[in-house]
Structure formats: C-alpha cells, structure tokens
Amino acid sequence: QSDHIALGFQFLPKESTRLTVEGFYKFYSNYPVSVRTGISQANQGAQFTSVGNEEVVSIGKGETYGVEIFYQQKLVKNLFYTASATVYRSLFSGRDGKLIASSWDFGYLVSATLGRKFKGGWEMGLKYRLAGGAPYTPFDPILSRRNYLISGAGTLDFDQLNSVRLLPFNQFDFRLDKKVNFKKVTLDLFI
C-alpha cells in the first residue's frame, strides 16, 4: 500500500515559462520482505531479480519524502530548456522494522535539458543528469574468501545493508537531428 501527500505551487511569469515547487511525503505499508533474508525488496538493489523468485511476506514499511523544483522555458525563438532539482530520502524496513536507505535513496537528483532548432530541419539537444551516490551493501571479506570457490561470488555483509555509497553519478548527452519531410511521413536521422 502506498499513500502520498503532496503540496506544491506553480508560478507562470510568462506564457512560455513555468516554475513549480513541490514537497512530497509517501508512506508505504505491506511492502514485500524476503522470508529467507528478512530484507525488504526495496533494499535489495541488484540482488532483487523478479517477483516470484523467492517467498516474501507483506510486513515491510517505508517512507519517501523530499522537495522538487522544476523550471521550464517552452520553445521560444527556436530555443527551449528545462531544469529540475530534487532533494529526498527513501527509507524502507525489513523484518526488523528498522528504516534504512532504500536502493533508490540517491539523496538528490539534478537534470537539465536544452534544445535548439535550426533552419533546414536541423535540431540539437543537450542533456545533463547528476545523482547522488547510490547506497549498496559491502562484501563480508572473511565469508567471501571462504565461500567464493563454492559460490563463484562474494558474500554480502547484510549487517551493513545499504550502509556504503557509490560516488555521485553524472551523464552528459548530445544529440543532433536532421528531419526530412515527405508528403505523408517525416524521416528523422540523428546522432
């Protein structure tokens, strides 16, 4: 079960410009928890494959809360752009009832997109994304050394579930399009 509370406002300084600010709080209950490990599906990260692969019970709880700011400039004089920033927490509990960072608890997300249309059917797009470090569970070095020859993989230290974080992630994309219009179809070539 998921119950959401959101409160926000929108400011339209011009017909082509929009600014929104939204706060949110989400409550989760009856979330699936592994019978074998006692860990919430939300906290398993890469170890979670698909629903039905293991027995679960619906005893988990969770909460996600934060603030998002979004700015948009619609297409004006062949130029458009958007920017957003979100600061949030995402916490879930397993069998022990203790709320810890979920696999989606990056802490912050920032994105910006810029697009430009040129003459002759040419378009250019730029996109930048930044996310805080994803939480993960470290390996237990002693058990990993003992079990590696049998399992072929390291053994995670579930006493430190999602207690370590990766470095922040960022990505920059560039796209160049050429549109060719025919009578009934448009051909879009892009790199």
N, C-alpha and C. Protein backbone atom coordinates (compact mmCIF):
# COMPACT_ATOMS: atom_id res chain seq x y z
N GLN A 1 0.85 -1.17 0.00
CA GLN A 1 0.00 0.00 0.00
C GLN A 1 0.89 1.23 0.00
N SER A 2 0.45 2.24 -0.73
CA SER A 2 1.22 3.48 -0.80
C SER A 2 0.26 4.66 -0.68
N ASP A 3 0.50 5.51 0.29
CA ASP A 3 -0.30 6.74 0.47
C ASP A 3 0.62 7.93 0.24
N HIS A 4 0.18 8.87 -0.60
CA HIS A 4 1.01 10.01 -0.98
C HIS A 4 0.36 11.31 -0.52
N ILE A 5 1.19 12.20 -0.02
CA ILE A 5 0.78 13.56 0.31
C ILE A 5 1.72 14.48 -0.46
N ALA A 6 1.15 15.42 -1.21
CA ALA A 6 1.97 16.37 -1.97
C ALA A 6 1.37 17.75 -1.84
N LEU A 7 2.24 18.74 -1.74
CA LEU A 7 1.81 20.13 -1.69
C LEU A 7 2.77 20.91 -2.56
N GLY A 8 2.21 21.69 -3.48
CA GLY A 8 3.07 22.43 -4.38
C GLY A 8 2.42 23.69 -4.88
N PHE A 9 3.21 24.47 -5.58
CA PHE A 9 2.66 25.65 -6.24
C PHE A 9 3.35 25.83 -7.58
N GLN A 10 2.66 26.56 -8.44
CA GLN A 10 3.16 26.82 -9.78
C GLN A 10 3.12 28.32 -10.02
N PHE A 11 4.19 28.84 -10.60
CA PHE A 11 4.28 30.26 -10.92
C PHE A 11 4.53 30.38 -12.41
N LEU A 12 3.70 31.18 -13.10
CA LEU A 12 3.80 31.36 -14.55
C LEU A 12 4.13 32.82 -14.84
N PRO A 13 5.41 33.21 -14.82
CA PRO A 13 5.77 34.61 -15.05
C PRO A 13 5.46 35.07 -16.47
N LYS A 14 5.51 34.14 -17.44
CA LYS A 14 5.16 34.41 -18.84
C LYS A 14 4.39 33.21 -19.36
N GLU A 15 3.78 33.36 -20.50
CA GLU A 15 3.05 32.24 -21.10
C GLU A 15 3.97 31.08 -21.44
N SER A 16 5.23 31.36 -21.70
CA SER A 16 6.18 30.33 -22.11
C SER A 16 7.05 29.81 -20.98
N THR A 17 6.87 30.32 -19.77
CA THR A 17 7.77 29.97 -18.66
C THR A 17 6.96 29.44 -17.48
N ARG A 18 7.49 28.40 -16.84
CA ARG A 18 6.80 27.80 -15.70
C ARG A 18 7.81 27.42 -14.63
N LEU A 19 7.49 27.72 -13.38
CA LEU A 19 8.28 27.32 -12.22
C LEU A 19 7.35 26.60 -11.26
N THR A 20 7.75 25.40 -10.83
CA THR A 20 6.95 24.67 -9.85
C THR A 20 7.85 24.26 -8.69
N VAL A 21 7.26 24.23 -7.51
CA VAL A 21 7.93 23.73 -6.30
C VAL A 21 6.94 22.79 -5.64
N GLU A 22 7.42 21.59 -5.30
CA GLU A 22 6.52 20.60 -4.70
C GLU A 22 7.23 19.87 -3.58
N GLY A 23 6.54 19.72 -2.47
CA GLY A 23 7.00 18.89 -1.37
C GLY A 23 6.18 17.62 -1.36
N PHE A 24 6.77 16.50 -0.99
CA PHE A 24 6.02 15.24 -1.00
C PHE A 24 6.43 14.35 0.16
N TYR A 25 5.48 13.53 0.58
CA TYR A 25 5.71 12.53 1.62
C TYR A 25 4.91 11.30 1.21
N LYS A 26 5.57 10.14 1.15
CA LYS A 26 4.91 8.90 0.74
C LYS A 26 5.10 7.88 1.86
N PHE A 27 4.00 7.24 2.25
CA PHE A 27 4.02 6.19 3.27
C PHE A 27 3.77 4.85 2.58
N TYR A 28 4.57 3.85 2.88
CA TYR A 28 4.39 2.52 2.31
C TYR A 28 4.14 1.53 3.45
N SER A 29 3.20 0.62 3.23
CA SER A 29 2.97 -0.46 4.20
C SER A 29 2.72 -1.74 3.42
N ASN A 30 2.81 -2.87 4.12
CA ASN A 30 2.63 -4.19 3.49
C ASN A 30 3.61 -4.40 2.34
N TYR A 31 4.81 -3.86 2.46
CA TYR A 31 5.82 -3.98 1.41
C TYR A 31 6.45 -5.38 1.49
N PRO A 32 6.75 -6.01 0.34
CA PRO A 32 7.30 -7.37 0.36
C PRO A 32 8.69 -7.44 1.02
N VAL A 33 8.83 -8.41 1.90
CA VAL A 33 10.09 -8.68 2.61
C VAL A 33 10.43 -10.15 2.39
N SER A 34 11.69 -10.42 2.07
CA SER A 34 12.14 -11.79 1.83
C SER A 34 12.04 -12.63 3.10
N VAL A 35 11.44 -13.81 2.99
CA VAL A 35 11.36 -14.73 4.12
C VAL A 35 12.76 -15.26 4.45
N ARG A 36 13.55 -15.53 3.41
CA ARG A 36 14.88 -16.10 3.59
C ARG A 36 15.84 -15.15 4.29
N THR A 37 15.88 -13.86 3.85
CA THR A 37 16.87 -12.92 4.39
C THR A 37 16.29 -11.90 5.37
N GLY A 38 14.97 -11.69 5.34
CA GLY A 38 14.35 -10.67 6.19
C GLY A 38 14.54 -9.26 5.65
N ILE A 39 14.98 -9.13 4.40
CA ILE A 39 15.28 -7.82 3.80
C ILE A 39 14.14 -7.40 2.88
N SER A 40 13.80 -6.11 2.94
CA SER A 40 12.78 -5.54 2.07
C SER A 40 13.23 -5.61 0.61
N GLN A 41 12.28 -5.87 -0.30
CA GLN A 41 12.59 -5.86 -1.73
C GLN A 41 13.15 -4.50 -2.14
N ALA A 42 12.74 -3.42 -1.49
CA ALA A 42 13.22 -2.07 -1.81
C ALA A 42 14.67 -1.86 -1.43
N ASN A 43 15.22 -2.71 -0.57
CA ASN A 43 16.59 -2.55 -0.10
C ASN A 43 17.55 -3.56 -0.73
N GLN A 44 17.09 -4.38 -1.65
CA GLN A 44 17.93 -5.43 -2.19
C GLN A 44 18.80 -5.00 -3.35
N GLY A 45 18.47 -3.92 -4.03
CA GLY A 45 19.30 -3.46 -5.13
C GLY A 45 19.45 -4.51 -6.21
N ALA A 46 20.68 -4.77 -6.62
CA ALA A 46 20.97 -5.71 -7.72
C ALA A 46 20.63 -7.16 -7.33
N GLN A 47 20.49 -7.46 -6.06
CA GLN A 47 20.16 -8.82 -5.65
C GLN A 47 18.70 -9.16 -5.95
N PHE A 48 17.85 -8.12 -6.11
CA PHE A 48 16.44 -8.36 -6.43
C PHE A 48 16.32 -8.61 -7.92
N THR A 49 15.77 -9.76 -8.30
CA THR A 49 15.66 -10.07 -9.73
C THR A 49 14.24 -9.89 -10.23
N SER A 50 13.29 -10.69 -9.76
CA SER A 50 11.90 -10.52 -10.18
C SER A 50 10.98 -11.10 -9.12
N VAL A 51 9.77 -10.57 -9.09
CA VAL A 51 8.78 -11.04 -8.13
C VAL A 51 8.46 -12.49 -8.46
N GLY A 52 8.43 -13.33 -7.45
CA GLY A 52 8.11 -14.74 -7.66
C GLY A 52 9.31 -15.65 -7.55
N ASN A 53 10.53 -15.09 -7.49
CA ASN A 53 11.72 -15.91 -7.40
C ASN A 53 11.99 -16.40 -5.98
N GLU A 54 11.35 -15.80 -5.00
CA GLU A 54 11.54 -16.23 -3.62
C GLU A 54 10.29 -15.92 -2.82
N GLU A 55 10.15 -16.61 -1.70
CA GLU A 55 8.98 -16.38 -0.85
C GLU A 55 9.12 -15.05 -0.13
N VAL A 56 8.04 -14.27 -0.10
CA VAL A 56 8.03 -12.98 0.59
C VAL A 56 6.81 -12.90 1.50
N VAL A 57 6.89 -12.03 2.49
CA VAL A 57 5.75 -11.69 3.34
C VAL A 57 5.56 -10.18 3.29
N SER A 58 4.31 -9.74 3.42
CA SER A 58 3.99 -8.31 3.29
C SER A 58 4.01 -7.63 4.65
N ILE A 59 5.21 -7.45 5.20
CA ILE A 59 5.34 -6.85 6.54
C ILE A 59 6.20 -5.58 6.53
N GLY A 60 6.75 -5.22 5.38
CA GLY A 60 7.66 -4.07 5.32
C GLY A 60 6.94 -2.73 5.35
N LYS A 61 7.67 -1.72 5.77
CA LYS A 61 7.17 -0.34 5.78
C LYS A 61 8.21 0.53 5.09
N GLY A 62 7.78 1.71 4.69
CA GLY A 62 8.72 2.62 4.06
C GLY A 62 8.19 4.03 4.04
N GLU A 63 9.09 4.95 3.78
CA GLU A 63 8.70 6.35 3.61
C GLU A 63 9.70 7.03 2.67
N THR A 64 9.16 7.91 1.87
CA THR A 64 9.96 8.72 0.96
C THR A 64 9.47 10.15 1.09
N TYR A 65 10.39 11.10 1.25
CA TYR A 65 9.98 12.49 1.39
C TYR A 65 11.04 13.40 0.79
N GLY A 66 10.58 14.57 0.33
CA GLY A 66 11.53 15.49 -0.27
C GLY A 66 10.87 16.69 -0.90
N VAL A 67 11.69 17.44 -1.64
CA VAL A 67 11.25 18.67 -2.31
C VAL A 67 11.81 18.66 -3.73
N GLU A 68 10.96 19.08 -4.69
CA GLU A 68 11.40 19.17 -6.08
C GLU A 68 11.13 20.58 -6.61
N ILE A 69 12.10 21.13 -7.33
CA ILE A 69 11.96 22.42 -8.00
C ILE A 69 12.13 22.16 -9.50
N PHE A 70 11.21 22.71 -10.30
CA PHE A 70 11.23 22.48 -11.75
C PHE A 70 11.04 23.81 -12.47
N TYR A 71 11.87 24.06 -13.48
CA TYR A 71 11.76 25.28 -14.29
C TYR A 71 11.70 24.88 -15.76
N GLN A 72 10.78 25.50 -16.51
CA GLN A 72 10.63 25.17 -17.92
C GLN A 72 10.48 26.43 -18.76
N GLN A 73 11.24 26.49 -19.83
CA GLN A 73 11.08 27.52 -20.86
C GLN A 73 10.63 26.80 -22.11
N LYS A 74 9.38 27.02 -22.53
CA LYS A 74 8.87 26.37 -23.74
C LYS A 74 9.57 26.96 -24.96
N LEU A 75 9.34 26.34 -26.10
CA LEU A 75 10.00 26.75 -27.33
C LEU A 75 9.69 28.22 -27.65
N VAL A 76 10.73 29.05 -27.60
CA VAL A 76 10.64 30.48 -27.94
C VAL A 76 11.85 30.80 -28.79
N LYS A 77 11.62 31.35 -29.97
CA LYS A 77 12.71 31.70 -30.88
C LYS A 77 13.67 30.53 -31.08
N ASN A 78 13.10 29.35 -31.33
CA ASN A 78 13.87 28.14 -31.64
C ASN A 78 14.69 27.58 -30.47
N LEU A 79 14.38 27.98 -29.24
CA LEU A 79 15.14 27.52 -28.08
C LEU A 79 14.18 27.09 -26.97
N PHE A 80 14.46 25.96 -26.33
CA PHE A 80 13.70 25.55 -25.15
C PHE A 80 14.66 24.92 -24.15
N TYR A 81 14.28 24.95 -22.87
CA TYR A 81 15.10 24.30 -21.85
C TYR A 81 14.26 23.99 -20.62
N THR A 82 14.73 23.02 -19.86
CA THR A 82 14.14 22.66 -18.58
C THR A 82 15.26 22.39 -17.59
N ALA A 83 14.96 22.56 -16.33
CA ALA A 83 15.91 22.23 -15.27
C ALA A 83 15.11 21.78 -14.05
N SER A 84 15.59 20.77 -13.37
CA SER A 84 14.91 20.33 -12.16
C SER A 84 15.95 19.87 -11.13
N ALA A 85 15.56 20.00 -9.88
CA ALA A 85 16.40 19.53 -8.78
C ALA A 85 15.48 18.94 -7.71
N THR A 86 15.85 17.76 -7.22
CA THR A 86 15.08 17.09 -6.19
C THR A 86 16.03 16.68 -5.07
N VAL A 87 15.63 16.97 -3.85
CA VAL A 87 16.36 16.52 -2.66
C VAL A 87 15.38 15.64 -1.89
N TYR A 88 15.79 14.41 -1.57
CA TYR A 88 14.83 13.50 -0.95
C TYR A 88 15.53 12.40 -0.15
N ARG A 89 14.72 11.65 0.61
CA ARG A 89 15.15 10.44 1.31
C ARG A 89 14.16 9.33 0.98
N SER A 90 14.65 8.11 0.88
CA SER A 90 13.82 6.94 0.62
C SER A 90 14.28 5.84 1.57
N LEU A 91 13.43 5.48 2.53
CA LEU A 91 13.80 4.55 3.60
C LEU A 91 12.78 3.41 3.68
N PHE A 92 13.26 2.18 3.84
CA PHE A 92 12.38 1.03 3.95
C PHE A 92 12.88 0.10 5.05
N SER A 93 11.95 -0.67 5.62
CA SER A 93 12.30 -1.61 6.68
C SER A 93 12.06 -3.04 6.23
N GLY A 94 12.84 -3.93 6.82
CA GLY A 94 12.66 -5.37 6.61
C GLY A 94 11.98 -5.97 7.82
N ARG A 95 12.31 -7.22 8.10
CA ARG A 95 11.69 -7.95 9.21
C ARG A 95 11.97 -7.26 10.55
N ASP A 96 13.12 -6.60 10.70
CA ASP A 96 13.47 -5.97 11.97
C ASP A 96 12.74 -4.65 12.22
N GLY A 97 12.04 -4.12 11.24
CA GLY A 97 11.28 -2.88 11.40
C GLY A 97 12.10 -1.61 11.36
N LYS A 98 13.42 -1.72 11.16
CA LYS A 98 14.32 -0.56 11.17
C LYS A 98 14.37 0.07 9.77
N LEU A 99 14.05 1.36 9.68
CA LEU A 99 14.10 2.07 8.40
C LEU A 99 15.54 2.38 8.02
N ILE A 100 15.94 1.92 6.82
CA ILE A 100 17.28 2.21 6.31
C ILE A 100 17.17 2.67 4.87
N ALA A 101 18.25 3.20 4.32
CA ALA A 101 18.27 3.70 2.95
C ALA A 101 17.85 2.60 1.97
N SER A 102 16.88 2.94 1.11
CA SER A 102 16.47 2.00 0.07
C SER A 102 17.50 2.05 -1.06
N SER A 103 17.36 1.16 -2.01
CA SER A 103 18.28 1.14 -3.15
C SER A 103 18.12 2.37 -4.04
N TRP A 104 17.02 3.13 -3.86
CA TRP A 104 16.78 4.34 -4.66
C TRP A 104 17.08 5.61 -3.90
N ASP A 105 17.70 5.52 -2.75
CA ASP A 105 17.96 6.69 -1.91
C ASP A 105 19.24 7.40 -2.35
N PHE A 106 19.18 8.08 -3.49
CA PHE A 106 20.35 8.81 -4.01
C PHE A 106 20.57 10.13 -3.29
N GLY A 107 19.54 10.64 -2.60
CA GLY A 107 19.68 11.89 -1.85
C GLY A 107 19.35 13.12 -2.67
N TYR A 108 19.82 13.16 -3.89
CA TYR A 108 19.49 14.30 -4.76
C TYR A 108 19.59 13.88 -6.22
N LEU A 109 18.78 14.55 -7.05
CA LEU A 109 18.78 14.36 -8.49
C LEU A 109 18.70 15.74 -9.13
N VAL A 110 19.53 15.97 -10.13
CA VAL A 110 19.53 17.24 -10.86
C VAL A 110 19.54 16.90 -12.34
N SER A 111 18.71 17.58 -13.12
CA SER A 111 18.76 17.36 -14.57
C SER A 111 18.47 18.67 -15.29
N ALA A 112 19.04 18.80 -16.47
CA ALA A 112 18.83 19.98 -17.31
C ALA A 112 18.84 19.54 -18.77
N THR A 113 17.93 20.11 -19.54
CA THR A 113 17.82 19.82 -20.96
C THR A 113 17.76 21.13 -21.73
N LEU A 114 18.48 21.18 -22.83
CA LEU A 114 18.49 22.36 -23.70
C LEU A 114 18.30 21.88 -25.13
N GLY A 115 17.37 22.51 -25.84
CA GLY A 115 17.14 22.15 -27.23
C GLY A 115 17.12 23.38 -28.11
N ARG A 116 17.60 23.22 -29.33
CA ARG A 116 17.67 24.35 -30.28
C ARG A 116 17.28 23.83 -31.65
N LYS A 117 16.39 24.56 -32.32
CA LYS A 117 16.00 24.24 -33.69
C LYS A 117 16.71 25.20 -34.62
N PHE A 118 17.23 24.66 -35.73
CA PHE A 118 17.93 25.46 -36.73
C PHE A 118 17.16 25.38 -38.05
N LYS A 119 17.57 26.19 -39.00
CA LYS A 119 16.94 26.17 -40.32
C LYS A 119 17.28 24.86 -41.04
N GLY A 120 16.44 24.49 -41.99
CA GLY A 120 16.71 23.31 -42.81
C GLY A 120 16.40 21.99 -42.13
N GLY A 121 15.59 22.00 -41.04
CA GLY A 121 15.22 20.76 -40.38
C GLY A 121 16.25 20.22 -39.41
N TRP A 122 17.25 21.01 -39.03
CA TRP A 122 18.27 20.57 -38.08
C TRP A 122 17.84 20.92 -36.65
N GLU A 123 18.14 20.01 -35.71
CA GLU A 123 17.86 20.25 -34.28
C GLU A 123 19.03 19.72 -33.46
N MET A 124 19.27 20.37 -32.32
CA MET A 124 20.33 19.94 -31.42
C MET A 124 19.75 19.84 -30.01
N GLY A 125 20.15 18.82 -29.28
CA GLY A 125 19.71 18.65 -27.90
C GLY A 125 20.87 18.32 -26.98
N LEU A 126 20.85 18.91 -25.80
CA LEU A 126 21.85 18.64 -24.76
C LEU A 126 21.10 18.23 -23.49
N LYS A 127 21.63 17.26 -22.79
CA LYS A 127 21.00 16.82 -21.54
C LYS A 127 22.08 16.49 -20.53
N TYR A 128 21.90 16.97 -19.30
CA TYR A 128 22.84 16.67 -18.22
C TYR A 128 22.06 16.11 -17.04
N ARG A 129 22.60 15.06 -16.42
CA ARG A 129 21.99 14.45 -15.24
C ARG A 129 23.04 14.25 -14.16
N LEU A 130 22.65 14.51 -12.93
CA LEU A 130 23.52 14.30 -11.77
C LEU A 130 22.68 13.64 -10.69
N ALA A 131 23.21 12.59 -10.09
CA ALA A 131 22.53 11.90 -8.99
C ALA A 131 23.53 11.63 -7.89
N GLY A 132 23.06 11.74 -6.66
CA GLY A 132 23.91 11.41 -5.52
C GLY A 132 24.29 9.95 -5.55
N GLY A 133 25.21 9.57 -4.71
CA GLY A 133 25.71 8.19 -4.70
C GLY A 133 24.67 7.18 -4.25
N ALA A 134 24.52 6.12 -5.02
CA ALA A 134 23.57 5.05 -4.68
C ALA A 134 24.09 4.25 -3.49
N PRO A 135 23.21 3.88 -2.57
CA PRO A 135 23.65 3.04 -1.45
C PRO A 135 23.85 1.60 -1.89
N TYR A 136 24.77 0.91 -1.25
CA TYR A 136 24.97 -0.51 -1.53
C TYR A 136 25.47 -1.21 -0.28
N THR A 137 25.39 -2.53 -0.32
CA THR A 137 25.82 -3.37 0.79
C THR A 137 27.23 -3.89 0.51
N PRO A 138 28.17 -3.66 1.42
CA PRO A 138 29.55 -4.14 1.17
C PRO A 138 29.65 -5.66 1.34
N PHE A 139 30.72 -6.21 0.80
CA PHE A 139 31.00 -7.63 0.96
C PHE A 139 31.58 -7.90 2.34
N ASP A 140 31.32 -9.08 2.86
CA ASP A 140 31.97 -9.56 4.07
C ASP A 140 33.25 -10.24 3.61
N PRO A 141 34.44 -9.64 3.86
CA PRO A 141 35.68 -10.20 3.30
C PRO A 141 36.00 -11.62 3.78
N ILE A 142 35.71 -11.93 5.02
CA ILE A 142 36.03 -13.26 5.55
C ILE A 142 35.13 -14.32 4.93
N LEU A 143 33.81 -14.08 4.94
CA LEU A 143 32.89 -15.05 4.33
C LEU A 143 33.07 -15.13 2.82
N SER A 144 33.41 -14.02 2.20
CA SER A 144 33.64 -14.04 0.75
C SER A 144 34.80 -14.94 0.39
N ARG A 145 35.90 -14.86 1.14
CA ARG A 145 37.06 -15.72 0.87
C ARG A 145 36.70 -17.19 1.09
N ARG A 146 35.92 -17.47 2.13
CA ARG A 146 35.54 -18.85 2.42
C ARG A 146 34.61 -19.44 1.36
N ASN A 147 33.67 -18.64 0.88
CA ASN A 147 32.60 -19.16 0.02
C ASN A 147 32.83 -18.96 -1.47
N TYR A 148 33.84 -18.22 -1.86
CA TYR A 148 34.00 -17.88 -3.28
C TYR A 148 34.18 -19.10 -4.18
N LEU A 149 34.99 -20.06 -3.76
CA LEU A 149 35.22 -21.24 -4.60
C LEU A 149 33.95 -22.07 -4.77
N ILE A 150 33.05 -22.03 -3.80
CA ILE A 150 31.80 -22.79 -3.90
C ILE A 150 30.75 -22.01 -4.69
N SER A 151 30.59 -20.74 -4.38
CA SER A 151 29.50 -19.95 -4.99
C SER A 151 29.93 -19.19 -6.24
N GLY A 152 31.22 -18.88 -6.37
CA GLY A 152 31.69 -18.09 -7.51
C GLY A 152 31.38 -16.61 -7.36
N ALA A 153 30.96 -16.18 -6.17
CA ALA A 153 30.63 -14.77 -5.93
C ALA A 153 30.98 -14.42 -4.50
N GLY A 154 31.11 -13.14 -4.24
CA GLY A 154 31.36 -12.67 -2.88
C GLY A 154 30.10 -12.80 -2.03
N THR A 155 30.26 -12.72 -0.73
CA THR A 155 29.15 -12.81 0.22
C THR A 155 28.92 -11.42 0.82
N LEU A 156 27.71 -10.92 0.67
CA LEU A 156 27.39 -9.59 1.19
C LEU A 156 27.25 -9.60 2.70
N ASP A 157 27.61 -8.49 3.33
CA ASP A 157 27.51 -8.33 4.78
C ASP A 157 26.18 -7.63 5.08
N PHE A 158 25.12 -8.42 5.26
CA PHE A 158 23.79 -7.84 5.45
C PHE A 158 23.64 -7.12 6.79
N ASP A 159 24.62 -7.23 7.69
CA ASP A 159 24.61 -6.42 8.91
C ASP A 159 24.91 -4.95 8.57
N GLN A 160 25.45 -4.71 7.37
CA GLN A 160 25.76 -3.35 6.91
C GLN A 160 24.92 -3.00 5.68
N LEU A 161 23.69 -3.48 5.63
CA LEU A 161 22.81 -3.31 4.49
C LEU A 161 22.70 -1.84 4.06
N ASN A 162 23.05 -1.58 2.80
CA ASN A 162 22.97 -0.24 2.19
C ASN A 162 23.64 0.85 3.03
N SER A 163 24.74 0.50 3.68
CA SER A 163 25.42 1.46 4.56
C SER A 163 26.56 2.21 3.87
N VAL A 164 26.92 1.82 2.66
CA VAL A 164 28.01 2.46 1.93
C VAL A 164 27.41 3.06 0.66
N ARG A 165 28.03 4.13 0.15
CA ARG A 165 27.50 4.79 -1.06
C ARG A 165 28.55 4.86 -2.15
N LEU A 166 28.06 4.72 -3.38
CA LEU A 166 28.91 4.96 -4.54
C LEU A 166 29.17 6.45 -4.68
N LEU A 167 30.10 6.83 -5.52
CA LEU A 167 30.32 8.24 -5.81
C LEU A 167 29.13 8.77 -6.60
N PRO A 168 28.89 10.08 -6.59
CA PRO A 168 27.79 10.63 -7.39
C PRO A 168 27.95 10.26 -8.87
N PHE A 169 26.82 10.13 -9.54
CA PHE A 169 26.78 9.75 -10.95
C PHE A 169 26.40 10.97 -11.77
N ASN A 170 27.09 11.18 -12.89
CA ASN A 170 26.66 12.25 -13.80
C ASN A 170 26.83 11.78 -15.24
N GLN A 171 26.00 12.36 -16.11
CA GLN A 171 25.99 11.96 -17.51
C GLN A 171 25.63 13.17 -18.36
N PHE A 172 26.33 13.31 -19.48
CA PHE A 172 26.05 14.38 -20.43
C PHE A 172 25.75 13.75 -21.79
N ASP A 173 24.61 14.11 -22.38
CA ASP A 173 24.22 13.59 -23.68
C ASP A 173 24.14 14.72 -24.69
N PHE A 174 24.54 14.42 -25.93
CA PHE A 174 24.44 15.36 -27.04
C PHE A 174 23.73 14.65 -28.18
N ARG A 175 22.78 15.33 -28.81
CA ARG A 175 22.06 14.72 -29.93
C ARG A 175 21.89 15.75 -31.03
N LEU A 176 22.13 15.31 -32.27
CA LEU A 176 21.96 16.15 -33.45
C LEU A 176 20.99 15.44 -34.39
N ASP A 177 19.91 16.13 -34.79
CA ASP A 177 18.87 15.56 -35.64
C ASP A 177 18.78 16.31 -36.96
N LYS A 178 18.38 15.58 -37.99
CA LYS A 178 18.04 16.16 -39.28
C LYS A 178 16.69 15.57 -39.68
N LYS A 179 15.68 16.42 -39.81
CA LYS A 179 14.34 15.98 -40.20
C LYS A 179 14.12 16.27 -41.67
N VAL A 180 13.62 15.25 -42.38
CA VAL A 180 13.30 15.38 -43.79
C VAL A 180 11.81 15.08 -43.93
N ASN A 181 11.03 16.06 -44.39
CA ASN A 181 9.59 15.90 -44.52
C ASN A 181 9.21 15.47 -45.93
N PHE A 182 8.37 14.44 -46.00
CA PHE A 182 7.78 13.99 -47.25
C PHE A 182 6.29 14.28 -47.17
N LYS A 183 5.50 13.88 -48.16
CA LYS A 183 4.07 14.19 -48.17
C LYS A 183 3.34 13.62 -46.96
N LYS A 184 3.59 12.35 -46.62
CA LYS A 184 2.83 11.71 -45.54
C LYS A 184 3.68 11.25 -44.37
N VAL A 185 4.98 11.33 -44.47
CA VAL A 185 5.86 10.87 -43.39
C VAL A 185 7.04 11.83 -43.21
N THR A 186 7.64 11.75 -42.04
CA THR A 186 8.85 12.51 -41.75
C THR A 186 9.96 11.52 -41.40
N LEU A 187 11.10 11.71 -41.99
CA LEU A 187 12.27 10.90 -41.69
C LEU A 187 13.14 11.69 -40.73
N ASP A 188 13.48 11.09 -39.59
CA ASP A 188 14.31 11.74 -38.58
C ASP A 188 15.61 10.98 -38.46
N LEU A 189 16.71 11.57 -38.92
CA LEU A 189 18.05 10.97 -38.80
C LEU A 189 18.76 11.67 -37.65
N PHE A 190 19.43 10.90 -36.80
CA PHE A 190 20.08 11.52 -35.64
C PHE A 190 21.35 10.79 -35.24
N ILE A 191 22.20 11.55 -34.59
CA ILE A 191 23.42 11.02 -33.98
C ILE A 191 23.37 11.41 -32.51
